[in-house]
């Protein structure tokens, strides 16, 4: 019962993050298009459009969608060597790759959370608008945290050979 609730909660969190990434992408597209139209038709660009896109929207679009990208099996993999290993060695290599990836994610969560904490106390703002740039740093550890939690949940599936990290949905080199 508690495990089922936890899965639903994590799925809801991932859904919110993915919807936020999609909204950031849509906002970036609309803002860039409106800025280009305003620049060329009215000879007056939208104030702060580039900075908002650069500091907030791109960061949100990339990092809030990390867990969804992992779930979709779209991370780059080089499998030409591992595919030729005997089954026992392949599972060992998969465990090593998953542990290495998980460790790397944990390091990135810690490092980016520390950087976000420092940035939140900073009073640096955009040059065109009085908007603080620090809150944008919070998107990065949030995305890596969601990815790390998903990788931890996926850990038991490595032994069965169907972990999301090694999903065959993405094209593989042959």
C-alpha atoms as a PDB file:
ATOM      1  CA  UNK A   1       0.000   0.000   0.000  1.00  0.00           C
ATOM      2  CA  UNK A   2       2.745   2.468   0.969  1.00  0.00           C
ATOM      3  CA  UNK A   3       4.822   1.423  -2.059  1.00  0.00           C
ATOM      4  CA  UNK A   4       1.862   2.000  -4.360  1.00  0.00           C
ATOM      5  CA  UNK A   5       1.300   5.466  -2.865  1.00  0.00           C
ATOM      6  CA  UNK A   6       4.985   6.263  -3.284  1.00  0.00           C
ATOM      7  CA  UNK A   7       4.894   5.209  -6.969  1.00  0.00           C
ATOM      8  CA  UNK A   8       1.855   7.405  -7.599  1.00  0.00           C
ATOM      9  CA  UNK A   9       3.498  10.337  -5.832  1.00  0.00           C
ATOM     10  CA  UNK A  10       6.704   9.935  -7.851  1.00  0.00           C
ATOM     11  CA  UNK A  11       4.728   9.625 -11.081  1.00  0.00           C
ATOM     12  CA  UNK A  12       2.846  12.811 -10.222  1.00  0.00           C
ATOM     13  CA  UNK A  13       6.110  14.636  -9.473  1.00  0.00           C
ATOM     14  CA  UNK A  14       7.605  13.456 -12.759  1.00  0.00           C
ATOM     15  CA  UNK A  15       4.450  14.508 -14.617  1.00  0.00           C
ATOM     16  CA  UNK A  16       4.658  18.002 -13.095  1.00  0.00           C
ATOM     17  CA  UNK A  17       8.330  18.285 -14.037  1.00  0.00           C
ATOM     18  CA  UNK A  18       7.704  17.135 -17.607  1.00  0.00           C
ATOM     19  CA  UNK A  19       4.740  19.486 -18.016  1.00  0.00           C
ATOM     20  CA  UNK A  20       6.910  22.319 -16.700  1.00  0.00           C
ATOM     21  CA  UNK A  21       9.637  21.434 -19.211  1.00  0.00           C
ATOM     22  CA  UNK A  22       7.092  21.374 -22.038  1.00  0.00           C
ATOM     23  CA  UNK A  23       5.624  24.695 -20.888  1.00  0.00           C
ATOM     24  CA  UNK A  24       9.116  26.216 -20.763  1.00  0.00           C
ATOM     25  CA  UNK A  25       9.799  24.974 -24.282  1.00  0.00           C
ATOM     26  CA  UNK A  26       6.514  26.390 -25.554  1.00  0.00           C
ATOM     27  CA  UNK A  27       7.134  29.704 -23.794  1.00  0.00           C
ATOM     28  CA  UNK A  28      10.640  29.837 -25.230  1.00  0.00           C
ATOM     29  CA  UNK A  29       9.305  29.214 -28.730  1.00  0.00           C
ATOM     30  CA  UNK A  30       6.551  31.805 -28.392  1.00  0.00           C
ATOM     31  CA  UNK A  31       8.805  34.416 -26.800  1.00  0.00           C
ATOM     32  CA  UNK A  32      11.513  33.965 -29.430  1.00  0.00           C
ATOM     33  CA  UNK A  33       8.983  34.163 -32.259  1.00  0.00           C
ATOM     34  CA  UNK A  34       7.287  37.223 -30.768  1.00  0.00           C
ATOM     35  CA  UNK A  35      10.676  38.862 -30.234  1.00  0.00           C
ATOM     36  CA  UNK A  36      11.693  38.212 -33.849  1.00  0.00           C
ATOM     37  CA  UNK A  37       8.386  39.544 -35.184  1.00  0.00           C
ATOM     38  CA  UNK A  38       8.558  42.575 -32.933  1.00  0.00           C
ATOM     39  CA  UNK A  39      12.165  43.206 -33.897  1.00  0.00           C
ATOM     40  CA  UNK A  40      11.613  43.032 -37.656  1.00  0.00           C
ATOM     41  CA  UNK A  41       8.075  44.378 -38.015  1.00  0.00           C
ATOM     42  CA  UNK A  42       8.020  47.052 -35.315  1.00  0.00           C
ATOM     43  CA  UNK A  43      11.768  47.638 -35.033  1.00  0.00           C
ATOM     44  CA  UNK A  44      11.415  47.186 -31.261  1.00  0.00           C
ATOM     45  CA  UNK A  45      12.598  43.951 -29.607  1.00  0.00           C
ATOM     46  CA  UNK A  46      10.922  42.573 -26.489  1.00  0.00           C
ATOM     47  CA  UNK A  47      12.870  43.769 -23.468  1.00  0.00           C
ATOM     48  CA  UNK A  48      14.653  40.905 -21.710  1.00  0.00           C
ATOM     49  CA  UNK A  49      13.448  38.170 -24.086  1.00  0.00           C
ATOM     50  CA  UNK A  50      16.917  36.793 -24.682  1.00  0.00           C
ATOM     51  CA  UNK A  51      17.843  36.813 -20.989  1.00  0.00           C
ATOM     52  CA  UNK A  52      14.602  35.161 -19.890  1.00  0.00           C
ATOM     53  CA  UNK A  53      15.131  32.481 -22.513  1.00  0.00           C
ATOM     54  CA  UNK A  54      18.783  32.004 -21.631  1.00  0.00           C
ATOM     55  CA  UNK A  55      18.561  32.135 -17.832  1.00  0.00           C
ATOM     56  CA  UNK A  56      15.228  30.404 -17.164  1.00  0.00           C
ATOM     57  CA  UNK A  57      13.470  28.752 -20.077  1.00  0.00           C
ATOM     58  CA  UNK A  58      16.346  26.768 -21.593  1.00  0.00           C
ATOM     59  CA  UNK A  59      17.472  25.568 -18.170  1.00  0.00           C
ATOM     60  CA  UNK A  60      13.947  24.443 -17.263  1.00  0.00           C
ATOM     61  CA  UNK A  61      13.363  22.775 -20.629  1.00  0.00           C
ATOM     62  CA  UNK A  62      16.564  20.741 -20.429  1.00  0.00           C
ATOM     63  CA  UNK A  63      16.867  19.752 -16.789  1.00  0.00           C
ATOM     64  CA  UNK A  64      13.225  19.271 -15.800  1.00  0.00           C
ATOM     65  CA  UNK A  65      12.870  16.712 -18.593  1.00  0.00           C
ATOM     66  CA  UNK A  66      15.815  14.511 -17.556  1.00  0.00           C
ATOM     67  CA  UNK A  67      13.722  11.805 -15.885  1.00  0.00           C
ATOM     68  CA  UNK A  68      11.382  11.631 -18.867  1.00  0.00           C
ATOM     69  CA  UNK A  69      14.343  11.266 -21.222  1.00  0.00           C
ATOM     70  CA  UNK A  70      15.724   8.478 -19.028  1.00  0.00           C
ATOM     71  CA  UNK A  71      12.365   6.708 -18.996  1.00  0.00           C
ATOM     72  CA  UNK A  72      12.216   6.980 -22.789  1.00  0.00           C
ATOM     73  CA  UNK A  73      15.633   5.364 -23.252  1.00  0.00           C
ATOM     74  CA  UNK A  74      17.063   8.265 -25.235  1.00  0.00           C
ATOM     75  CA  UNK A  75      20.384   8.664 -23.454  1.00  0.00           C
ATOM     76  CA  UNK A  76      23.385   7.996 -25.648  1.00  0.00           C
ATOM     77  CA  UNK A  77      24.882   4.540 -25.258  1.00  0.00           C
ATOM     78  CA  UNK A  78      27.784   2.807 -26.947  1.00  0.00           C
ATOM     79  CA  UNK A  79      26.924  -0.882 -26.905  1.00  0.00           C
ATOM     80  CA  UNK A  80      29.114  -2.504 -29.535  1.00  0.00           C
ATOM     81  CA  UNK A  81      31.369  -4.131 -26.923  1.00  0.00           C
ATOM     82  CA  UNK A  82      28.802  -5.013 -24.266  1.00  0.00           C
ATOM     83  CA  UNK A  83      26.477  -6.635 -26.820  1.00  0.00           C
ATOM     84  CA  UNK A  84      29.206  -9.155 -27.665  1.00  0.00           C
ATOM     85  CA  UNK A  85      29.859 -10.203 -24.065  1.00  0.00           C
ATOM     86  CA  UNK A  86      28.566 -13.485 -22.600  1.00  0.00           C
ATOM     87  CA  UNK A  87      25.257 -13.009 -20.687  1.00  0.00           C
ATOM     88  CA  UNK A  88      26.908 -13.193 -17.254  1.00  0.00           C
ATOM     89  CA  UNK A  89      29.515 -10.578 -18.147  1.00  0.00           C
ATOM     90  CA  UNK A  90      26.890  -8.412 -19.786  1.00  0.00           C
ATOM     91  CA  UNK A  91      24.856  -8.275 -16.563  1.00  0.00           C
ATOM     92  CA  UNK A  92      28.028  -7.456 -14.652  1.00  0.00           C
ATOM     93  CA  UNK A  93      28.820  -4.656 -17.134  1.00  0.00           C
ATOM     94  CA  UNK A  94      25.225  -3.393 -16.857  1.00  0.00           C
ATOM     95  CA  UNK A  95      25.500  -3.298 -13.059  1.00  0.00           C
ATOM     96  CA  UNK A  96      28.772  -1.416 -13.302  1.00  0.00           C
ATOM     97  CA  UNK A  97      27.350   1.090 -15.821  1.00  0.00           C
ATOM     98  CA  UNK A  98      24.216   1.618 -13.740  1.00  0.00           C
ATOM     99  CA  UNK A  99      26.222   2.089 -10.515  1.00  0.00           C
ATOM    100  CA  UNK A 100      28.592   4.496 -12.253  1.00  0.00           C
ATOM    101  CA  UNK A 101      25.679   6.474 -13.713  1.00  0.00           C
ATOM    102  CA  UNK A 102      23.899   6.549 -10.372  1.00  0.00           C
ATOM    103  CA  UNK A 103      27.042   7.726  -8.594  1.00  0.00           C
ATOM    104  CA  UNK A 104      27.535  10.429 -11.198  1.00  0.00           C
ATOM    105  CA  UNK A 105      23.919  11.574 -10.704  1.00  0.00           C
ATOM    106  CA  UNK A 106      24.343  11.686  -6.936  1.00  0.00           C
ATOM    107  CA  UNK A 107      27.461  13.821  -7.319  1.00  0.00           C
ATOM    108  CA  UNK A 108      25.621  16.142  -9.718  1.00  0.00           C
ATOM    109  CA  UNK A 109      22.647  16.455  -7.345  1.00  0.00           C
ATOM    110  CA  UNK A 110      24.944  17.432  -4.488  1.00  0.00           C
ATOM    111  CA  UNK A 111      27.077  19.827  -6.529  1.00  0.00           C
ATOM    112  CA  UNK A 112      24.192  21.557  -8.301  1.00  0.00           C
ATOM    113  CA  UNK A 113      22.178  21.812  -5.071  1.00  0.00           C
ATOM    114  CA  UNK A 114      25.129  23.531  -3.438  1.00  0.00           C
ATOM    115  CA  UNK A 115      25.465  25.873  -6.412  1.00  0.00           C
ATOM    116  CA  UNK A 116      21.725  26.603  -6.366  1.00  0.00           C
ATOM    117  CA  UNK A 117      21.875  27.372  -2.641  1.00  0.00           C
ATOM    118  CA  UNK A 118      24.670  29.870  -3.244  1.00  0.00           C
ATOM    119  CA  UNK A 119      22.850  31.387  -6.232  1.00  0.00           C
ATOM    120  CA  UNK A 120      19.644  31.882  -4.246  1.00  0.00           C
ATOM    121  CA  UNK A 121      21.493  34.077  -1.766  1.00  0.00           C
ATOM    122  CA  UNK A 122      23.031  36.106  -4.612  1.00  0.00           C
ATOM    123  CA  UNK A 123      21.337  39.352  -5.665  1.00  0.00           C
ATOM    124  CA  UNK A 124      22.465  39.272  -9.300  1.00  0.00           C
ATOM    125  CA  UNK A 125      19.663  40.233 -11.633  1.00  0.00           C
ATOM    126  CA  UNK A 126      19.164  40.398 -15.370  1.00  0.00           C
ATOM    127  CA  UNK A 127      20.539  43.453 -17.112  1.00  0.00           C
ATOM    128  CA  UNK A 128      17.313  44.309 -18.944  1.00  0.00           C
ATOM    129  CA  UNK A 129      14.778  43.418 -16.238  1.00  0.00           C
ATOM    130  CA  UNK A 130      14.888  43.512 -12.427  1.00  0.00           C
ATOM    131  CA  UNK A 131      14.531  39.718 -12.181  1.00  0.00           C
ATOM    132  CA  UNK A 132      16.925  37.703 -10.010  1.00  0.00           C
ATOM    133  CA  UNK A 133      18.880  35.020 -11.836  1.00  0.00           C
ATOM    134  CA  UNK A 134      19.412  32.824  -8.760  1.00  0.00           C
ATOM    135  CA  UNK A 135      16.087  30.931  -8.803  1.00  0.00           C
ATOM    136  CA  UNK A 136      16.897  29.473 -12.226  1.00  0.00           C
ATOM    137  CA  UNK A 137      19.700  27.462 -10.632  1.00  0.00           C
ATOM    138  CA  UNK A 138      17.119  25.437  -8.683  1.00  0.00           C
ATOM    139  CA  UNK A 139      15.898  23.726 -11.863  1.00  0.00           C
ATOM    140  CA  UNK A 140      19.158  21.813 -12.277  1.00  0.00           C
ATOM    141  CA  UNK A 141      19.295  19.882  -8.968  1.00  0.00           C
ATOM    142  CA  UNK A 142      15.543  19.303  -9.182  1.00  0.00           C
ATOM    143  CA  UNK A 143      15.941  17.600 -12.549  1.00  0.00           C
ATOM    144  CA  UNK A 144      18.940  15.559 -11.410  1.00  0.00           C
ATOM    145  CA  UNK A 145      17.114  14.574  -8.214  1.00  0.00           C
ATOM    146  CA  UNK A 146      14.177  13.231 -10.229  1.00  0.00           C
ATOM    147  CA  UNK A 147      16.607  11.327 -12.459  1.00  0.00           C
ATOM    148  CA  UNK A 148      18.451   9.902  -9.437  1.00  0.00           C
ATOM    149  CA  UNK A 149      15.230   8.732  -7.772  1.00  0.00           C
ATOM    150  CA  UNK A 150      14.125   7.071 -11.003  1.00  0.00           C
ATOM    151  CA  UNK A 151      17.517   5.353 -11.330  1.00  0.00           C
ATOM    152  CA  UNK A 152      17.269   4.113  -7.744  1.00  0.00           C
ATOM    153  CA  UNK A 153      13.813   2.691  -8.424  1.00  0.00           C
ATOM    154  CA  UNK A 154      15.172   1.100 -11.608  1.00  0.00           C
ATOM    155  CA  UNK A 155      18.073  -0.598  -9.796  1.00  0.00           C
ATOM    156  CA  UNK A 156      16.320  -3.971  -9.227  1.00  0.00           C
ATOM    157  CA  UNK A 157      15.492  -4.168 -12.945  1.00  0.00           C
ATOM    158  CA  UNK A 158      19.193  -4.216 -13.892  1.00  0.00           C
ATOM    159  CA  UNK A 159      19.503  -7.831 -12.699  1.00  0.00           C
ATOM    160  CA  UNK A 160      16.580  -8.884 -14.891  1.00  0.00           C
ATOM    161  CA  UNK A 161      18.151  -7.120 -17.869  1.00  0.00           C
ATOM    162  CA  UNK A 162      15.313  -4.664 -18.469  1.00  0.00           C
ATOM    163  CA  UNK A 163      16.540  -1.479 -16.782  1.00  0.00           C
ATOM    164  CA  UNK A 164      15.490   1.757 -18.424  1.00  0.00           C
ATOM    165  CA  UNK A 165      19.134   2.782 -18.788  1.00  0.00           C
ATOM    166  CA  UNK A 166      19.597  -0.070 -21.245  1.00  0.00           C
ATOM    167  CA  UNK A 167      16.224   0.195 -23.005  1.00  0.00           C
ATOM    168  CA  UNK A 168      16.306  -0.874 -26.624  1.00  0.00           C
ATOM    169  CA  UNK A 169      13.877   1.837 -27.784  1.00  0.00           C
ATOM    170  CA  UNK A 170      16.735   4.053 -28.869  1.00  0.00           C
ATOM    171  CA  UNK A 171      18.763   3.104 -31.944  1.00  0.00           C
ATOM    172  CA  UNK A 172      21.874   1.093 -31.141  1.00  0.00           C
ATOM    173  CA  UNK A 173      25.143   0.811 -33.037  1.00  0.00           C
ATOM    174  CA  UNK A 174      25.642  -2.547 -34.740  1.00  0.00           C
END
